[in-house]
């Protein structure tokens, strides 16, 4: 099935400031959620208009992904659990 563009009405007002519009893989991004939480980091995947994934500095370089598929918008967040060997 083809993907669908994620529109503001689908997010239910989850984003206060910022956008993934026009971003490129390897570049930085910054999004402020409706609650004031900040997601910022490096873009890993940006398959316009339906898929975005990147690291999140505030989650120990965890990952976030936004995508739309078959008319449904989804968000996946995974905190980083990376460790440095002794």
Foldseek 3Di string as FASTA:
>chain_A
DDFDADDPVQVVQQWPDFDCPPDDAQDKGWTQTPVRDIFIAGWHDDDPGFKTKFFGVVLVRWMKMWGGDPHHIDIDTDRDPDDDDD
